N, C-alpha and C. Protein backbone atom coordinates (compact mmCIF):
# COMPACT_ATOMS: atom_id res chain seq x y z
N MET A 1 7.45 7.42 4.37
CA MET A 1 8.09 8.27 3.40
C MET A 1 7.81 7.71 2.01
N ALA A 2 7.24 8.50 1.14
CA ALA A 2 6.90 8.05 -0.21
C ALA A 2 8.04 8.35 -1.17
N TYR A 3 8.32 7.39 -2.01
CA TYR A 3 9.35 7.55 -3.03
C TYR A 3 8.70 7.39 -4.39
N THR A 4 9.06 8.24 -5.31
CA THR A 4 8.57 8.07 -6.66
C THR A 4 9.67 7.40 -7.47
N TYR A 5 9.26 6.55 -8.36
CA TYR A 5 10.22 5.84 -9.19
C TYR A 5 10.36 6.57 -10.50
N GLN A 6 11.44 7.29 -10.61
CA GLN A 6 11.74 7.98 -11.86
C GLN A 6 13.24 8.00 -12.03
N ARG A 7 13.63 8.03 -13.25
CA ARG A 7 15.06 8.08 -13.54
C ARG A 7 15.56 9.49 -13.31
N SER A 8 16.73 9.58 -12.71
CA SER A 8 17.32 10.90 -12.56
C SER A 8 18.06 11.24 -13.84
N ARG A 9 17.95 12.47 -14.24
CA ARG A 9 18.59 12.91 -15.48
C ARG A 9 20.06 13.15 -15.21
N CYS A 10 20.90 12.53 -15.98
CA CYS A 10 22.34 12.73 -15.87
C CYS A 10 22.80 13.55 -17.07
N ASP A 11 23.70 14.45 -16.83
CA ASP A 11 24.18 15.30 -17.92
C ASP A 11 24.94 14.51 -18.97
N ASP A 12 25.64 13.48 -18.56
CA ASP A 12 26.44 12.71 -19.50
C ASP A 12 25.88 11.29 -19.58
N ILE A 13 24.86 11.11 -20.39
CA ILE A 13 24.18 9.82 -20.49
C ILE A 13 25.11 8.73 -21.02
N ASP A 14 26.03 9.09 -21.90
CA ASP A 14 26.96 8.09 -22.44
C ASP A 14 27.82 7.48 -21.34
N MET A 15 28.35 8.30 -20.46
CA MET A 15 29.18 7.79 -19.36
C MET A 15 28.32 7.03 -18.36
N THR A 16 27.09 7.48 -18.15
CA THR A 16 26.19 6.76 -17.25
C THR A 16 25.97 5.35 -17.76
N LEU A 17 25.76 5.20 -19.07
CA LEU A 17 25.55 3.88 -19.66
C LEU A 17 26.80 3.02 -19.56
N VAL A 18 27.95 3.62 -19.73
CA VAL A 18 29.21 2.87 -19.60
C VAL A 18 29.37 2.36 -18.17
N PHE A 19 29.16 3.25 -17.19
CA PHE A 19 29.29 2.83 -15.79
C PHE A 19 28.22 1.82 -15.40
N LEU A 20 27.02 1.98 -15.96
CA LEU A 20 25.94 1.02 -15.73
C LEU A 20 26.34 -0.36 -16.24
N ALA A 21 26.91 -0.41 -17.43
CA ALA A 21 27.34 -1.67 -18.03
C ALA A 21 28.47 -2.31 -17.21
N VAL A 22 29.41 -1.50 -16.75
CA VAL A 22 30.51 -2.03 -15.93
C VAL A 22 29.97 -2.58 -14.62
N GLY A 23 29.06 -1.83 -13.97
CA GLY A 23 28.43 -2.32 -12.74
C GLY A 23 27.69 -3.62 -12.99
N GLY A 24 26.97 -3.70 -14.10
CA GLY A 24 26.24 -4.92 -14.45
C GLY A 24 27.16 -6.10 -14.68
N ALA A 25 28.28 -5.84 -15.31
CA ALA A 25 29.25 -6.92 -15.55
C ALA A 25 29.79 -7.45 -14.23
N PHE A 26 30.17 -6.55 -13.33
CA PHE A 26 30.68 -6.98 -12.03
C PHE A 26 29.59 -7.70 -11.22
N GLY A 27 28.35 -7.24 -11.32
CA GLY A 27 27.25 -7.89 -10.61
C GLY A 27 27.01 -9.30 -11.12
N ALA A 28 27.05 -9.47 -12.44
CA ALA A 28 26.82 -10.79 -13.03
C ALA A 28 27.93 -11.77 -12.64
N VAL A 29 29.16 -11.30 -12.69
CA VAL A 29 30.29 -12.16 -12.32
C VAL A 29 30.21 -12.50 -10.83
N SER A 30 29.86 -11.52 -10.02
CA SER A 30 29.73 -11.76 -8.58
C SER A 30 28.64 -12.78 -8.29
N ARG A 31 27.52 -12.63 -8.98
CA ARG A 31 26.42 -13.59 -8.78
C ARG A 31 26.90 -15.01 -9.12
N TYR A 32 27.55 -15.15 -10.25
CA TYR A 32 28.04 -16.46 -10.69
C TYR A 32 28.99 -17.06 -9.66
N LEU A 33 29.93 -16.27 -9.17
CA LEU A 33 30.92 -16.77 -8.23
C LEU A 33 30.30 -17.09 -6.87
N VAL A 34 29.49 -16.18 -6.33
CA VAL A 34 28.88 -16.40 -5.02
C VAL A 34 27.92 -17.59 -5.08
N GLN A 35 27.08 -17.62 -6.10
CA GLN A 35 26.10 -18.71 -6.22
C GLN A 35 26.81 -20.05 -6.29
N GLY A 36 27.83 -20.16 -7.11
CA GLY A 36 28.56 -21.41 -7.26
C GLY A 36 29.30 -21.81 -5.99
N TRP A 37 29.94 -20.84 -5.35
CA TRP A 37 30.70 -21.11 -4.13
C TRP A 37 29.77 -21.61 -3.02
N VAL A 38 28.66 -20.91 -2.82
CA VAL A 38 27.72 -21.31 -1.76
C VAL A 38 27.11 -22.68 -2.07
N GLN A 39 26.73 -22.90 -3.31
CA GLN A 39 26.12 -24.18 -3.68
C GLN A 39 27.11 -25.33 -3.50
N ASP A 40 28.36 -25.10 -3.88
CA ASP A 40 29.38 -26.13 -3.68
C ASP A 40 29.58 -26.43 -2.20
N LEU A 41 29.57 -25.39 -1.38
CA LEU A 41 29.75 -25.55 0.06
C LEU A 41 28.57 -26.28 0.68
N ALA A 42 27.36 -25.88 0.32
CA ALA A 42 26.16 -26.42 0.95
C ALA A 42 25.78 -27.79 0.38
N GLY A 43 25.95 -27.95 -0.93
CA GLY A 43 25.55 -29.19 -1.57
C GLY A 43 24.05 -29.40 -1.49
N GLY A 44 23.61 -30.57 -1.84
CA GLY A 44 22.20 -30.91 -1.74
C GLY A 44 21.37 -30.38 -2.90
N ARG A 45 20.07 -30.67 -2.81
CA ARG A 45 19.16 -30.29 -3.89
C ARG A 45 18.62 -28.87 -3.76
N PHE A 46 18.57 -28.34 -2.54
CA PHE A 46 18.03 -27.00 -2.36
C PHE A 46 18.98 -25.98 -2.98
N PRO A 47 18.46 -25.00 -3.70
CA PRO A 47 19.32 -24.01 -4.36
C PRO A 47 19.85 -22.95 -3.40
N TRP A 48 20.72 -23.39 -2.48
CA TRP A 48 21.27 -22.48 -1.48
C TRP A 48 22.02 -21.31 -2.10
N GLY A 49 22.72 -21.55 -3.18
CA GLY A 49 23.48 -20.48 -3.83
C GLY A 49 22.58 -19.34 -4.27
N THR A 50 21.50 -19.67 -4.94
CA THR A 50 20.54 -18.66 -5.40
C THR A 50 19.88 -18.00 -4.21
N PHE A 51 19.53 -18.77 -3.21
CA PHE A 51 18.90 -18.23 -2.00
C PHE A 51 19.79 -17.18 -1.36
N VAL A 52 21.07 -17.50 -1.18
CA VAL A 52 22.01 -16.57 -0.56
C VAL A 52 22.20 -15.32 -1.43
N VAL A 53 22.27 -15.50 -2.73
CA VAL A 53 22.40 -14.34 -3.62
C VAL A 53 21.18 -13.44 -3.49
N ASN A 54 19.98 -14.01 -3.49
CA ASN A 54 18.77 -13.21 -3.39
C ASN A 54 18.67 -12.46 -2.06
N ILE A 55 19.02 -13.13 -0.97
CA ILE A 55 18.93 -12.49 0.35
C ILE A 55 20.04 -11.45 0.50
N SER A 56 21.25 -11.76 0.10
CA SER A 56 22.34 -10.79 0.22
C SER A 56 22.12 -9.60 -0.71
N GLY A 57 21.56 -9.84 -1.88
CA GLY A 57 21.25 -8.74 -2.79
C GLY A 57 20.17 -7.84 -2.23
N SER A 58 19.18 -8.43 -1.58
CA SER A 58 18.12 -7.64 -0.95
C SER A 58 18.70 -6.77 0.17
N PHE A 59 19.59 -7.36 0.97
CA PHE A 59 20.25 -6.59 2.02
C PHE A 59 21.06 -5.44 1.43
N MET A 60 21.85 -5.74 0.41
CA MET A 60 22.68 -4.70 -0.21
C MET A 60 21.83 -3.56 -0.77
N LEU A 61 20.75 -3.92 -1.48
CA LEU A 61 19.90 -2.89 -2.08
C LEU A 61 19.23 -2.04 -1.00
N GLY A 62 18.77 -2.67 0.08
CA GLY A 62 18.19 -1.91 1.18
C GLY A 62 19.18 -0.96 1.79
N LEU A 63 20.40 -1.42 2.02
CA LEU A 63 21.45 -0.59 2.60
C LEU A 63 21.79 0.58 1.69
N VAL A 64 22.03 0.30 0.42
CA VAL A 64 22.41 1.35 -0.52
C VAL A 64 21.26 2.34 -0.72
N PHE A 65 20.02 1.84 -0.77
CA PHE A 65 18.86 2.72 -0.93
C PHE A 65 18.76 3.67 0.26
N ALA A 66 18.94 3.15 1.48
CA ALA A 66 18.89 4.00 2.67
C ALA A 66 19.98 5.06 2.63
N LEU A 67 21.19 4.65 2.24
CA LEU A 67 22.29 5.61 2.16
C LEU A 67 22.05 6.66 1.08
N ALA A 68 21.49 6.23 -0.03
CA ALA A 68 21.29 7.14 -1.15
C ALA A 68 20.08 8.04 -0.96
N MET A 69 18.95 7.47 -0.60
CA MET A 69 17.70 8.22 -0.59
C MET A 69 17.40 8.84 0.78
N ASP A 70 17.62 8.11 1.85
CA ASP A 70 17.29 8.63 3.17
C ASP A 70 18.37 9.56 3.71
N ARG A 71 19.62 9.22 3.44
CA ARG A 71 20.72 10.00 3.99
C ARG A 71 21.41 10.90 2.97
N GLY A 72 21.15 10.67 1.71
CA GLY A 72 21.77 11.50 0.67
C GLY A 72 23.28 11.35 0.59
N VAL A 73 23.79 10.18 0.99
CA VAL A 73 25.23 9.96 1.03
C VAL A 73 25.81 9.66 -0.35
N LEU A 74 25.04 8.97 -1.19
CA LEU A 74 25.56 8.57 -2.50
C LEU A 74 25.07 9.51 -3.60
N ALA A 75 25.98 9.99 -4.39
CA ALA A 75 25.64 10.87 -5.50
C ALA A 75 24.88 10.09 -6.57
N PRO A 76 24.02 10.77 -7.33
CA PRO A 76 23.28 10.09 -8.40
C PRO A 76 24.19 9.34 -9.38
N GLU A 77 25.38 9.86 -9.61
CA GLU A 77 26.31 9.22 -10.54
C GLU A 77 26.77 7.86 -10.03
N ILE A 78 26.71 7.66 -8.71
CA ILE A 78 27.11 6.39 -8.10
C ILE A 78 25.91 5.45 -8.00
N ARG A 79 24.73 6.01 -7.76
CA ARG A 79 23.53 5.20 -7.55
C ARG A 79 23.22 4.29 -8.73
N VAL A 80 23.23 4.84 -9.93
CA VAL A 80 22.84 4.05 -11.10
C VAL A 80 23.78 2.87 -11.32
N PRO A 81 25.09 3.09 -11.37
CA PRO A 81 25.97 1.92 -11.57
C PRO A 81 25.89 0.91 -10.43
N LEU A 82 25.72 1.39 -9.20
CA LEU A 82 25.71 0.49 -8.06
C LEU A 82 24.36 -0.21 -7.90
N MET A 83 23.27 0.56 -7.89
CA MET A 83 21.95 -0.02 -7.62
C MET A 83 21.38 -0.75 -8.83
N VAL A 84 21.39 -0.09 -9.97
CA VAL A 84 20.80 -0.70 -11.17
C VAL A 84 21.79 -1.66 -11.83
N GLY A 85 23.05 -1.23 -11.94
CA GLY A 85 24.05 -2.06 -12.60
C GLY A 85 24.47 -3.26 -11.77
N PHE A 86 25.22 -3.00 -10.69
CA PHE A 86 25.78 -4.10 -9.91
C PHE A 86 24.71 -4.93 -9.22
N ILE A 87 23.91 -4.29 -8.35
CA ILE A 87 22.94 -5.05 -7.57
C ILE A 87 21.83 -5.59 -8.47
N GLY A 88 21.41 -4.80 -9.45
CA GLY A 88 20.38 -5.26 -10.37
C GLY A 88 20.81 -6.47 -11.18
N SER A 89 22.10 -6.54 -11.50
CA SER A 89 22.62 -7.70 -12.22
C SER A 89 22.88 -8.85 -11.26
N TYR A 90 23.26 -8.53 -10.05
CA TYR A 90 23.51 -9.54 -9.03
C TYR A 90 22.22 -10.29 -8.70
N THR A 91 21.11 -9.56 -8.57
CA THR A 91 19.82 -10.18 -8.32
C THR A 91 18.69 -9.20 -8.58
N THR A 92 17.66 -9.64 -9.28
CA THR A 92 16.48 -8.79 -9.43
C THR A 92 15.48 -9.03 -8.30
N PHE A 93 15.67 -10.10 -7.57
CA PHE A 93 14.83 -10.37 -6.40
C PHE A 93 14.91 -9.22 -5.41
N SER A 94 16.10 -8.63 -5.28
CA SER A 94 16.28 -7.52 -4.35
C SER A 94 15.39 -6.34 -4.73
N THR A 95 15.23 -6.09 -6.01
CA THR A 95 14.36 -5.00 -6.45
C THR A 95 12.92 -5.30 -6.09
N LEU A 96 12.48 -6.52 -6.30
CA LEU A 96 11.13 -6.92 -5.92
C LEU A 96 10.91 -6.69 -4.43
N MET A 97 11.88 -7.06 -3.61
CA MET A 97 11.74 -6.90 -2.17
C MET A 97 11.71 -5.43 -1.77
N LEU A 98 12.59 -4.62 -2.33
CA LEU A 98 12.63 -3.20 -1.99
C LEU A 98 11.34 -2.50 -2.41
N GLU A 99 10.89 -2.74 -3.62
CA GLU A 99 9.66 -2.10 -4.09
C GLU A 99 8.47 -2.55 -3.25
N SER A 100 8.48 -3.80 -2.80
CA SER A 100 7.41 -4.29 -1.93
C SER A 100 7.46 -3.60 -0.57
N TRP A 101 8.66 -3.40 -0.04
CA TRP A 101 8.78 -2.72 1.24
C TRP A 101 8.32 -1.27 1.15
N VAL A 102 8.63 -0.61 0.07
CA VAL A 102 8.16 0.77 -0.12
C VAL A 102 6.63 0.80 -0.07
N LEU A 103 5.99 -0.20 -0.67
CA LEU A 103 4.53 -0.28 -0.61
C LEU A 103 4.05 -0.48 0.83
N VAL A 104 4.79 -1.26 1.63
CA VAL A 104 4.46 -1.42 3.04
C VAL A 104 4.56 -0.07 3.75
N GLU A 105 5.66 0.64 3.53
CA GLU A 105 5.86 1.94 4.17
C GLU A 105 4.78 2.94 3.78
N GLU A 106 4.29 2.83 2.57
CA GLU A 106 3.25 3.74 2.10
C GLU A 106 1.85 3.27 2.52
N GLY A 107 1.77 2.10 3.16
CA GLY A 107 0.48 1.57 3.59
C GLY A 107 -0.37 1.04 2.46
N ASP A 108 0.24 0.75 1.34
CA ASP A 108 -0.48 0.29 0.15
C ASP A 108 -0.47 -1.24 0.11
N LEU A 109 -1.23 -1.84 1.02
CA LEU A 109 -1.19 -3.30 1.16
C LEU A 109 -1.80 -4.03 -0.02
N SER A 110 -2.77 -3.42 -0.69
CA SER A 110 -3.36 -4.10 -1.85
C SER A 110 -2.33 -4.24 -2.97
N HIS A 111 -1.58 -3.17 -3.24
CA HIS A 111 -0.54 -3.27 -4.27
C HIS A 111 0.62 -4.16 -3.82
N LEU A 112 0.88 -4.19 -2.51
CA LEU A 112 1.91 -5.09 -1.97
C LEU A 112 1.55 -6.54 -2.28
N LEU A 113 0.32 -6.92 -1.98
CA LEU A 113 -0.10 -8.30 -2.24
C LEU A 113 -0.10 -8.62 -3.73
N ILE A 114 -0.57 -7.69 -4.54
CA ILE A 114 -0.55 -7.90 -5.99
C ILE A 114 0.89 -8.09 -6.47
N ASN A 115 1.80 -7.25 -5.96
CA ASN A 115 3.20 -7.32 -6.38
C ASN A 115 3.84 -8.64 -5.98
N LEU A 116 3.69 -9.02 -4.72
CA LEU A 116 4.34 -10.25 -4.25
C LEU A 116 3.69 -11.51 -4.81
N VAL A 117 2.39 -11.62 -4.62
CA VAL A 117 1.70 -12.82 -5.10
C VAL A 117 1.74 -12.89 -6.62
N GLY A 118 1.50 -11.75 -7.25
CA GLY A 118 1.53 -11.72 -8.72
C GLY A 118 2.89 -12.09 -9.27
N SER A 119 3.95 -11.56 -8.67
CA SER A 119 5.30 -11.87 -9.15
C SER A 119 5.61 -13.36 -9.01
N VAL A 120 5.22 -13.93 -7.88
CA VAL A 120 5.52 -15.35 -7.66
C VAL A 120 4.64 -16.23 -8.55
N VAL A 121 3.33 -16.00 -8.51
CA VAL A 121 2.40 -16.86 -9.24
C VAL A 121 2.56 -16.67 -10.75
N ILE A 122 2.52 -15.43 -11.21
CA ILE A 122 2.64 -15.18 -12.65
C ILE A 122 4.06 -15.53 -13.13
N GLY A 123 5.05 -15.30 -12.26
CA GLY A 123 6.41 -15.70 -12.60
C GLY A 123 6.52 -17.20 -12.80
N MET A 124 5.87 -17.96 -11.93
CA MET A 124 5.88 -19.43 -12.07
C MET A 124 5.17 -19.84 -13.35
N ILE A 125 4.03 -19.21 -13.64
CA ILE A 125 3.31 -19.51 -14.88
C ILE A 125 4.18 -19.18 -16.09
N ALA A 126 4.89 -18.05 -16.02
CA ALA A 126 5.76 -17.66 -17.13
C ALA A 126 6.89 -18.66 -17.33
N VAL A 127 7.46 -19.15 -16.24
CA VAL A 127 8.52 -20.17 -16.34
C VAL A 127 7.97 -21.43 -17.00
N VAL A 128 6.80 -21.88 -16.56
CA VAL A 128 6.19 -23.07 -17.13
C VAL A 128 5.89 -22.86 -18.62
N ALA A 129 5.36 -21.69 -18.96
CA ALA A 129 5.06 -21.39 -20.37
C ALA A 129 6.34 -21.36 -21.21
N GLY A 130 7.38 -20.73 -20.67
CA GLY A 130 8.66 -20.70 -21.38
C GLY A 130 9.25 -22.08 -21.56
N LEU A 131 9.17 -22.89 -20.51
CA LEU A 131 9.66 -24.26 -20.61
C LEU A 131 8.87 -25.04 -21.66
N ALA A 132 7.55 -24.89 -21.61
CA ALA A 132 6.70 -25.61 -22.57
C ALA A 132 7.04 -25.21 -24.00
N LEU A 133 7.15 -23.90 -24.23
CA LEU A 133 7.50 -23.42 -25.56
C LEU A 133 8.89 -23.91 -25.98
N GLY A 134 9.84 -23.75 -25.09
CA GLY A 134 11.22 -24.18 -25.39
C GLY A 134 11.33 -25.65 -25.68
N ARG A 135 10.52 -26.45 -25.03
CA ARG A 135 10.58 -27.89 -25.22
C ARG A 135 9.86 -28.34 -26.49
N THR A 136 9.02 -27.48 -27.06
CA THR A 136 8.33 -27.84 -28.30
C THR A 136 9.07 -27.36 -29.54
N LEU A 137 10.01 -26.45 -29.38
CA LEU A 137 10.75 -25.96 -30.54
C LEU A 137 11.67 -27.03 -31.08
N PRO A 138 11.84 -27.05 -32.40
CA PRO A 138 12.71 -28.09 -33.00
C PRO A 138 14.18 -27.89 -32.63
């Protein structure tokens, strides 16, 4: 099943933005609390808190996407605050995973590899570049 990525037009864009911001705020707070709680519980050097947030966010986004797009259970007014606001703020890794899975479903393996490998490799290069720049600033 092919999905196109486009924004749905909402009649009341102002309220959509307000609900998006509220969802984002709850997602950010949830990420902070879950990440800290899991890391405190697990301890050690491995970033278990971030790992759990990324995996749970991927699960949530997959579930909500299936309910919204495959089953039509969630209204567009709910999708934006929940998927983009809450889950998007909770973790962007989930978006990378969902978009990659859509490429698998579409049989677009070349773009899948570019998306996954490119995101990881170029993301790592970007982190190193940002660190280098940040460390050279006065």
